[in-house]
Amino acid sequence: MLRTIKKVFLLLSLMLSIGTSVRAENSLTLYGIIDTGLQYLSTSQKALDGGTRENFFGVANGVQSGSRWGLRGVHDMGNGNQTLFVLESGFNSVNGQSGQGGLLFGRQATLSYKNTDLGQLDLGRQINLASNYLLAIDPFEEGFGQANIGASFGSANTIRYSNMLLFQTRPLEGLTLGLGYSFATEVSGIYTNNGSCVVATCRAANAGYQFESGNNLRAVTLGATYAKGPLLLAAAYDQLQGPNNIPDGPPKPNPTAWLVAGAYNFQVAKVSVAYGQTRNGAWGGQLPGTGATNGSLIPNITLGADAIFIPGTGANSYFLGANIPLTPRINVLASAQLMQPSGDSIVRPESATQAIYSVGYTYNFTRRTNLYAYASYGSNYSMVKSAQSSVAGVGIRHQF
């Protein structure tokens, strides 16, 4: 009898060890965020007829972080090699609708190969390197609507490219390099001053792959990040390449955006700075009241498209931010940012320097659930002269 019991225990121990080994080599994780709150928004713009004003108050979705759910998988092939995948779907926690234009996995859909000595190769839909590398530099972590750094640095406004091939080196002494190319971004574009195209009438219709690769709206994304101790540095460059099959061929020169940024953690506060330039066009910035309402009298820089091609015009952007941990549970966030028009503006001759000032507060109930509150004010919003946007909100975010 004792011998039988020992055999049973030995068999159970063997089964548990096998199970542990399998879990170590292969994993599948279901995760997500639900973010819902109340938000107040007021926008106004002066005009010759007296101007206009809009107000909103109601339930808002995805203010601190976009609501989402996703699947993440890892398969260890041995010898430092892994295959990975991420399938991430955005949704509106207020009405249940899908985000990102109804795409099933619109936030991310990638299959990856990783080698511990070389780095990681990703294929599919994901954010560009500017958005990825500035996430940890922005005190608002590219959330909170117009408070986030993407309101003045359009190429870092959580830009997603489809059909992208992206390689990032493994961190070497804290340095990581990245290079990506999208064969067809599937973002919407407007092409101004190009053949028969006039403002707001030449939106791209080719949303997917074309037989000729030059007929796609393509993109290059480059980046580098350096992290060592309390110091974090980042640099990024993006270029859009317009399709050939629009009147008079692809617009030239191509829109470009570059930026440099850094953050230093002084323990009592983490301070962030950034500077960047956009030329010959723009990437879509933040709409006023993001997460609450889709309509606004203030258009974004790209007139509602994801990108706009405007030869000879651009912007210079500046950012200063701070994250102050008052206690292990409480953080205070603050930032000031400017976006200064540069060159000629075909779209908006009456342009002016945008200024946005924001403060925020988070309280962590647990590791997964936190309360937040924020307020943000923007003048000459989206570089529209006399346009103002004031927004304030409170909400709760749960991560699973």
Protein backbone atom coordinates (compact mmCIF):
# COMPACT_ATOMS: atom_id res chain seq x y z
CA MET A 1 0.00 0.00 0.00
CA LEU A 2 2.80 2.38 0.94
CA ARG A 3 4.58 1.55 -2.32
CA THR A 4 1.41 2.34 -4.28
CA ILE A 5 1.03 5.70 -2.53
CA LYS A 6 4.65 6.55 -3.32
CA LYS A 7 4.07 5.75 -7.00
CA VAL A 8 0.98 8.00 -7.07
CA PHE A 9 2.94 10.88 -5.50
CA LEU A 10 5.79 10.33 -7.96
CA LEU A 11 3.36 10.40 -10.90
CA LEU A 12 1.68 13.59 -9.63
CA SER A 13 5.07 15.25 -9.14
CA LEU A 14 6.08 14.32 -12.69
CA MET A 15 2.81 15.70 -14.12
CA LEU A 16 3.22 18.97 -12.20
CA SER A 17 6.79 19.40 -13.40
CA ILE A 18 5.73 18.81 -17.02
CA GLY A 19 2.89 21.30 -16.66
CA THR A 20 5.26 23.91 -15.23
CA SER A 21 7.67 23.36 -18.11
CA VAL A 22 4.92 23.76 -20.70
CA ARG A 23 3.69 26.94 -19.07
CA ALA A 24 7.21 28.34 -19.07
CA GLU A 25 7.64 27.65 -22.78
CA ASN A 26 4.16 28.64 -23.95
CA SER A 27 1.77 31.22 -22.55
CA LEU A 28 -1.53 32.81 -23.57
CA THR A 29 -2.74 35.91 -21.73
CA LEU A 30 -6.12 37.62 -21.89
CA TYR A 31 -5.84 41.26 -20.82
CA GLY A 32 -7.62 44.56 -21.14
CA ILE A 33 -8.61 47.99 -19.82
CA ILE A 34 -12.03 49.46 -19.12
CA ASP A 35 -11.93 53.25 -18.65
CA THR A 36 -15.11 55.27 -18.07
CA GLY A 37 -15.82 58.64 -16.50
CA LEU A 38 -17.59 62.00 -16.67
CA GLN A 39 -16.26 64.80 -18.81
CA TYR A 40 -17.03 68.49 -19.41
CA LEU A 41 -15.93 70.20 -22.62
CA SER A 42 -16.26 73.76 -23.85
CA THR A 43 -14.94 75.03 -27.18
CA SER A 44 -15.23 78.46 -28.75
CA GLN A 45 -13.91 80.43 -31.68
CA LYS A 46 -14.25 84.11 -32.49
CA ALA A 47 -15.31 85.16 -35.98
CA LEU A 48 -16.59 88.19 -37.86
CA ASP A 49 -20.19 87.12 -37.18
CA GLY A 50 -19.56 86.95 -33.44
CA GLY A 51 -18.14 83.45 -33.26
CA THR A 52 -19.51 80.15 -32.02
CA ARG A 53 -19.42 78.15 -28.80
CA GLU A 54 -20.12 74.49 -27.95
CA ASN A 55 -20.51 72.71 -24.62
CA PHE A 56 -20.66 69.05 -23.66
CA PHE A 57 -21.21 67.23 -20.39
CA GLY A 58 -21.68 63.49 -20.14
CA VAL A 59 -20.18 60.04 -19.80
CA ALA A 60 -16.83 59.59 -21.54
CA ASN A 61 -14.90 56.53 -22.68
CA GLY A 62 -11.18 55.88 -22.59
CA VAL A 63 -9.99 59.19 -21.14
CA GLN A 64 -6.86 58.02 -19.30
CA SER A 65 -6.40 54.94 -21.49
CA GLY A 66 -8.36 53.66 -24.44
CA SER A 67 -10.69 50.82 -23.45
CA ARG A 68 -9.50 47.54 -24.97
CA TRP A 69 -9.20 43.79 -24.70
CA GLY A 70 -6.55 41.59 -26.18
CA LEU A 71 -4.72 38.29 -26.42
CA ARG A 72 -0.97 37.95 -26.02
CA GLY A 73 0.88 34.73 -26.73
CA VAL A 74 4.46 33.47 -26.44
CA HIS A 75 5.97 30.25 -27.76
CA ASP A 76 9.54 29.40 -26.77
CA MET A 77 11.33 27.56 -29.56
CA GLY A 78 14.55 27.12 -27.58
CA ASN A 79 18.07 28.47 -28.00
CA GLY A 80 16.89 32.03 -27.31
CA ASN A 81 14.23 32.03 -30.05
CA GLN A 82 10.54 32.85 -29.55
CA THR A 83 7.44 33.48 -31.59
CA LEU A 84 4.99 36.00 -30.17
CA PHE A 85 1.66 37.48 -31.15
CA VAL A 86 -0.58 40.33 -29.97
CA LEU A 87 -4.21 40.75 -31.00
CA GLU A 88 -5.73 43.88 -29.43
CA SER A 89 -9.23 45.27 -29.98
CA GLY A 90 -10.43 48.73 -28.95
CA PHE A 91 -14.01 49.41 -27.88
CA ASN A 92 -16.19 52.15 -26.46
CA SER A 93 -17.05 51.30 -22.85
CA VAL A 94 -20.02 53.70 -22.94
CA ASN A 95 -21.98 52.23 -25.87
CA GLY A 96 -20.17 48.97 -26.64
CA GLN A 97 -19.11 49.92 -30.16
CA SER A 98 -15.81 48.79 -31.66
CA GLY A 99 -13.03 51.33 -31.90
CA GLN A 100 -10.54 52.13 -34.68
CA GLY A 101 -13.23 52.30 -37.34
CA GLY A 102 -14.74 48.94 -36.45
CA LEU A 103 -11.59 46.87 -37.08
CA LEU A 104 -11.65 43.62 -35.12
CA PHE A 105 -8.09 44.07 -33.86
CA GLY A 106 -7.63 47.72 -34.76
CA ARG A 107 -5.29 48.60 -31.93
CA GLN A 108 -2.71 45.93 -32.77
CA ALA A 109 -2.40 42.73 -34.77
CA THR A 110 1.16 41.41 -34.97
CA LEU A 111 3.06 38.18 -35.30
CA SER A 112 6.67 38.42 -34.14
CA TYR A 113 9.96 36.56 -34.04
CA LYS A 114 12.37 37.33 -31.19
CA ASN A 115 15.99 36.35 -30.71
CA THR A 116 17.58 37.19 -27.36
CA ASP A 117 20.89 38.10 -29.02
CA LEU A 118 19.56 40.11 -31.99
CA GLY A 119 16.17 41.65 -31.25
CA GLN A 120 12.56 41.39 -32.38
CA LEU A 121 10.91 41.44 -35.81
CA ASP A 122 7.19 42.34 -35.90
CA LEU A 123 4.81 42.02 -38.84
CA GLY A 124 1.32 43.52 -38.92
CA ARG A 125 -0.54 46.53 -37.54
CA GLN A 126 0.96 48.48 -34.66
CA ILE A 127 1.98 51.95 -33.45
CA ASN A 128 4.95 53.78 -34.92
CA LEU A 129 8.20 54.25 -33.05
CA ALA A 130 7.57 57.90 -32.14
CA SER A 131 4.41 56.89 -30.27
CA ASN A 132 6.11 53.87 -28.72
CA TYR A 133 9.25 55.63 -27.48
CA LEU A 134 7.54 58.78 -26.15
CA LEU A 135 4.97 56.83 -24.13
CA ALA A 136 7.21 56.73 -21.05
CA ILE A 137 8.28 60.38 -21.47
CA ASP A 138 4.79 61.89 -21.52
CA PRO A 139 3.50 62.23 -17.89
CA PHE A 140 -0.01 61.55 -19.25
CA GLU A 141 1.29 58.45 -21.09
CA GLU A 142 -0.35 59.57 -24.35
CA GLY A 143 -3.77 59.52 -22.70
CA PHE A 144 -6.18 62.12 -21.27
CA GLY A 145 -7.25 63.55 -24.64
CA GLN A 146 -5.83 66.96 -25.43
CA ALA A 147 -3.52 66.78 -22.38
CA ASN A 148 -1.30 64.17 -24.01
CA ILE A 149 1.84 64.95 -25.95
CA GLY A 150 0.20 63.90 -29.24
CA ALA A 151 -1.80 67.14 -29.28
CA SER A 152 1.35 69.01 -30.36
CA PHE A 153 3.51 66.17 -31.70
CA GLY A 154 1.19 64.58 -34.28
CA SER A 155 3.59 61.79 -35.23
CA ALA A 156 3.54 60.64 -31.57
CA ASN A 157 -0.27 60.68 -31.30
CA THR A 158 -0.57 56.86 -31.08
CA ILE A 159 -0.21 56.56 -34.86
CA ARG A 160 -0.99 53.07 -36.15
CA TYR A 161 0.35 51.74 -39.44
CA SER A 162 -1.02 48.57 -41.01
CA ASN A 163 1.04 46.15 -43.12
CA MET A 164 4.24 47.12 -41.31
CA LEU A 165 7.56 45.34 -41.02
CA LEU A 166 9.33 46.54 -37.86
CA PHE A 167 12.67 45.50 -36.37
CA GLN A 168 14.00 46.59 -32.98
CA THR A 169 17.40 45.60 -31.65
CA ARG A 170 17.75 44.06 -28.23
CA PRO A 171 18.75 46.66 -25.61
CA LEU A 172 22.54 47.04 -25.57
CA GLU A 173 23.86 49.02 -22.62
CA GLY A 174 20.41 50.63 -22.44
CA LEU A 175 20.26 51.55 -26.15
CA THR A 176 17.52 50.23 -28.45
CA LEU A 177 17.27 51.03 -32.18
CA GLY A 178 14.22 50.56 -34.38
CA LEU A 179 13.37 50.64 -38.09
CA GLY A 180 9.97 50.08 -39.66
CA TYR A 181 8.34 50.30 -43.07
CA SER A 182 4.63 50.15 -43.85
CA PHE A 183 3.83 48.88 -47.34
CA ALA A 184 0.29 50.29 -47.04
CA THR A 185 -0.55 52.32 -43.93
CA GLU A 186 -4.32 52.22 -44.56
CA VAL A 187 -4.61 55.69 -43.02
CA SER A 188 -6.71 58.34 -44.74
CA GLY A 189 -4.90 61.22 -46.41
CA ILE A 190 -5.62 64.62 -47.96
CA TYR A 191 -3.38 65.94 -50.73
CA THR A 192 -3.42 69.71 -51.27
CA ASN A 193 -2.08 71.79 -54.14
CA ASN A 194 -1.53 68.69 -56.21
CA GLY A 195 -3.01 68.69 -59.71
CA SER A 196 -6.80 69.02 -59.51
CA CYS A 197 -6.77 68.41 -55.74
CA VAL A 198 -7.94 71.28 -53.59
CA VAL A 199 -8.31 71.48 -49.84
CA ALA A 200 -10.58 68.80 -48.35
CA THR A 201 -11.58 67.35 -51.75
CA CYS A 202 -8.76 64.92 -52.51
CA ARG A 203 -9.05 62.33 -49.78
CA ALA A 204 -7.41 59.01 -50.58
CA ALA A 205 -9.81 56.24 -51.54
CA ASN A 206 -7.22 53.46 -51.76
CA ALA A 207 -7.54 52.07 -48.23
CA GLY A 208 -5.83 48.72 -48.88
CA TYR A 209 -3.17 47.13 -51.01
CA GLN A 210 -2.94 48.09 -54.67
CA PHE A 211 -1.41 45.97 -57.42
CA GLU A 212 1.32 48.58 -57.82
CA SER A 213 2.95 49.13 -54.45
CA GLY A 214 3.59 52.78 -55.29
CA ASN A 215 -0.16 53.35 -55.26
CA ASN A 216 -0.28 52.81 -51.52
CA LEU A 217 0.17 55.48 -48.85
CA ARG A 218 3.38 54.17 -47.27
CA ALA A 219 5.43 55.21 -44.24
CA VAL A 220 8.93 54.93 -42.79
CA THR A 221 9.43 55.06 -39.02
CA LEU A 222 12.83 55.25 -37.30
CA GLY A 223 13.63 55.55 -33.63
CA ALA A 224 16.11 55.15 -30.81
CA THR A 225 15.69 55.05 -27.05
CA TYR A 226 18.26 55.00 -24.26
CA ALA A 227 17.44 54.09 -20.67
CA LYS A 228 19.93 53.97 -17.82
CA GLY A 229 19.03 54.52 -14.20
CA PRO A 230 16.86 57.64 -13.83
CA LEU A 231 17.63 58.86 -17.37
CA LEU A 232 15.48 58.17 -20.43
CA LEU A 233 16.19 59.58 -23.90
CA ALA A 234 14.30 59.10 -27.16
CA ALA A 235 14.47 60.20 -30.79
CA ALA A 236 12.20 59.38 -33.73
CA TYR A 237 11.68 60.17 -37.40
CA ASP A 238 8.67 59.47 -39.61
CA GLN A 239 8.10 60.02 -43.31
CA LEU A 240 4.92 59.53 -45.33
CA GLN A 241 5.08 58.56 -49.01
CA GLY A 242 2.01 59.49 -51.03
CA PRO A 243 0.37 57.19 -53.60
CA ASN A 244 1.15 57.54 -57.28
CA ASN A 245 -2.44 57.15 -58.46
CA ILE A 246 -3.71 60.62 -57.54
CA PRO A 247 -3.88 63.56 -59.99
CA ASP A 248 -0.41 64.56 -61.23
CA GLY A 249 1.25 61.76 -59.30
CA PRO A 250 2.53 61.60 -55.72
CA PRO A 251 2.82 64.89 -53.84
CA LYS A 252 6.35 66.13 -53.24
CA PRO A 253 8.12 66.71 -50.97
CA ASN A 254 7.03 64.03 -48.53
CA PRO A 255 5.73 64.99 -45.08
CA THR A 256 8.35 64.38 -42.39
CA ALA A 257 8.42 64.62 -38.62
CA TRP A 258 11.34 64.29 -36.24
CA LEU A 259 11.56 64.72 -32.49
CA VAL A 260 13.94 64.38 -29.58
CA ALA A 261 12.87 63.94 -25.97
CA GLY A 262 14.16 63.10 -22.54
CA ALA A 263 13.07 62.46 -18.98
CA TYR A 264 14.93 62.34 -15.69
CA ASN A 265 13.56 60.85 -12.49
CA PHE A 266 14.62 62.98 -9.51
CA GLN A 267 12.59 60.71 -7.18
CA VAL A 268 10.56 63.67 -5.94
CA ALA A 269 9.48 64.28 -9.56
CA LYS A 270 10.07 62.91 -13.05
CA VAL A 271 10.66 65.83 -15.43
CA SER A 272 10.20 65.51 -19.21
CA VAL A 273 11.11 67.70 -22.18
CA ALA A 274 10.63 67.31 -25.93
CA TYR A 275 11.18 69.24 -29.16
CA GLY A 276 10.20 68.36 -32.70
CA GLN A 277 9.53 69.62 -36.22
CA THR A 278 6.97 68.61 -38.82
CA ARG A 279 7.41 69.68 -42.43
CA ASN A 280 5.34 69.50 -45.65
CA GLY A 281 2.25 68.17 -43.92
CA ALA A 282 0.99 66.78 -40.64
CA TRP A 283 -0.17 63.69 -38.79
CA GLY A 284 -3.59 63.85 -37.10
CA GLY A 285 -3.51 65.51 -33.67
CA GLN A 286 -5.92 65.26 -30.77
CA LEU A 287 -9.50 66.43 -31.19
CA PRO A 288 -10.95 68.48 -28.31
CA GLY A 289 -12.79 66.30 -25.82
CA THR A 290 -11.42 62.98 -27.06
CA GLY A 291 -13.42 60.15 -25.52
CA ALA A 292 -16.59 62.21 -25.08
CA THR A 293 -17.86 63.53 -28.40
CA ASN A 294 -16.85 63.26 -32.05
CA GLY A 295 -18.13 66.65 -33.17
CA SER A 296 -16.33 69.97 -32.68
CA LEU A 297 -16.23 73.34 -34.34
CA ILE A 298 -12.44 73.15 -34.16
CA PRO A 299 -11.03 70.85 -36.88
CA ASN A 300 -7.79 69.05 -36.26
CA ILE A 301 -4.72 70.01 -38.27
CA THR A 302 -5.44 67.42 -40.96
CA LEU A 303 -9.10 68.44 -41.48
CA GLY A 304 -10.33 65.14 -40.07
CA ALA A 305 -8.01 62.85 -42.02
CA ASP A 306 -5.21 60.81 -40.49
CA ALA A 307 -2.59 62.74 -42.46
CA ILE A 308 -2.35 65.73 -44.77
CA PHE A 309 0.21 66.60 -47.46
CA ILE A 310 0.88 70.38 -47.65
CA PRO A 311 4.13 71.36 -49.38
CA GLY A 312 5.93 74.23 -47.69
CA THR A 313 4.12 74.22 -44.36
CA GLY A 314 4.83 72.68 -40.98
CA ALA A 315 5.14 73.23 -37.26
CA ASN A 316 7.68 73.42 -34.44
CA SER A 317 6.60 71.73 -31.20
CA TYR A 318 7.77 72.11 -27.59
CA PHE A 319 6.86 70.16 -24.45
CA LEU A 320 7.58 70.33 -20.72
CA GLY A 321 6.03 67.89 -18.26
CA ALA A 322 6.28 66.45 -14.77
CA ASN A 323 5.03 63.41 -12.87
CA ILE A 324 5.09 63.97 -9.10
CA PRO A 325 4.51 60.92 -6.83
CA LEU A 326 3.09 62.41 -3.62
CA THR A 327 2.59 58.97 -2.04
CA PRO A 328 2.85 55.37 -3.29
CA ARG A 329 -0.83 55.69 -4.31
CA ILE A 330 -1.08 59.30 -5.50
CA ASN A 331 0.50 60.90 -8.58
CA VAL A 332 0.15 64.49 -9.78
CA LEU A 333 0.67 65.10 -13.52
CA ALA A 334 1.35 68.40 -15.30
CA SER A 335 2.45 69.58 -18.73
CA ALA A 336 2.74 72.64 -20.96
CA GLN A 337 3.10 72.36 -24.71
CA LEU A 338 3.34 74.68 -27.70
CA MET A 339 2.91 74.10 -31.43
CA GLN A 340 4.12 76.96 -33.59
CA PRO A 341 3.14 77.14 -37.30
CA SER A 342 6.01 77.25 -39.76
CA GLY A 343 6.04 78.18 -43.44
CA ASP A 344 3.04 78.95 -45.62
CA SER A 345 -0.34 77.50 -44.71
CA ILE A 346 -2.65 76.70 -47.62
CA VAL A 347 -5.24 75.22 -45.33
CA ARG A 348 -5.37 77.90 -42.64
CA PRO A 349 -3.81 81.32 -43.41
CA GLU A 350 -5.13 82.71 -40.08
CA SER A 351 -2.98 80.34 -38.03
CA ALA A 352 -1.47 80.99 -34.61
CA THR A 353 0.68 79.23 -32.00
CA GLN A 354 -1.19 76.57 -30.06
CA ALA A 355 -0.64 76.48 -26.28
CA ILE A 356 -2.00 73.72 -24.01
CA TYR A 357 -1.72 73.60 -20.21
CA SER A 358 -2.83 70.46 -18.34
CA VAL A 359 -2.91 69.02 -14.83
CA GLY A 360 -3.97 65.56 -13.68
CA TYR A 361 -4.34 63.36 -10.61
CA THR A 362 -4.40 59.60 -10.19
CA TYR A 363 -5.17 57.56 -7.08
CA ASN A 364 -4.40 53.84 -7.09
CA PHE A 365 -6.95 51.84 -5.09
CA THR A 366 -5.12 48.66 -6.05
CA ARG A 367 -2.56 47.55 -8.61
CA ARG A 368 -5.36 47.19 -11.17
CA THR A 369 -7.89 49.92 -10.34
CA ASN A 370 -7.35 53.68 -10.10
CA LEU A 371 -9.31 56.91 -9.92
CA TYR A 372 -8.30 59.90 -12.07
CA ALA A 373 -9.16 63.56 -12.54
CA TYR A 374 -7.75 66.10 -14.98
CA ALA A 375 -8.23 69.53 -16.51
CA SER A 376 -6.75 71.00 -19.68
CA TYR A 377 -6.95 74.35 -21.44
CA GLY A 378 -5.88 75.04 -25.01
CA SER A 379 -5.64 78.41 -26.77
CA ASN A 380 -5.42 78.72 -30.57
CA TYR A 381 -6.28 75.03 -30.49
CA SER A 382 -5.05 73.04 -33.48
CA MET A 383 -3.26 76.30 -34.48
CA VAL A 384 -6.65 77.88 -35.32
CA LYS A 385 -6.51 81.56 -34.35
CA SER A 386 -8.80 82.43 -31.39
CA ALA A 387 -9.98 78.82 -30.97
CA GLN A 388 -10.18 77.73 -27.33
CA SER A 389 -10.79 74.34 -25.76
CA SER A 390 -11.38 73.71 -22.05
CA VAL A 391 -11.91 70.19 -20.76
CA ALA A 392 -12.17 68.59 -17.32
CA GLY A 393 -13.06 65.08 -16.25
CA VAL A 394 -13.08 62.41 -13.56
CA GLY A 395 -13.24 58.67 -14.01
CA ILE A 396 -12.15 55.21 -13.04
CA ARG A 397 -9.87 52.78 -14.88
CA HIS A 398 -9.69 49.03 -14.32
CA GLN A 399 -7.01 46.79 -15.83
CA PHE A 400 -7.39 43.03 -16.12
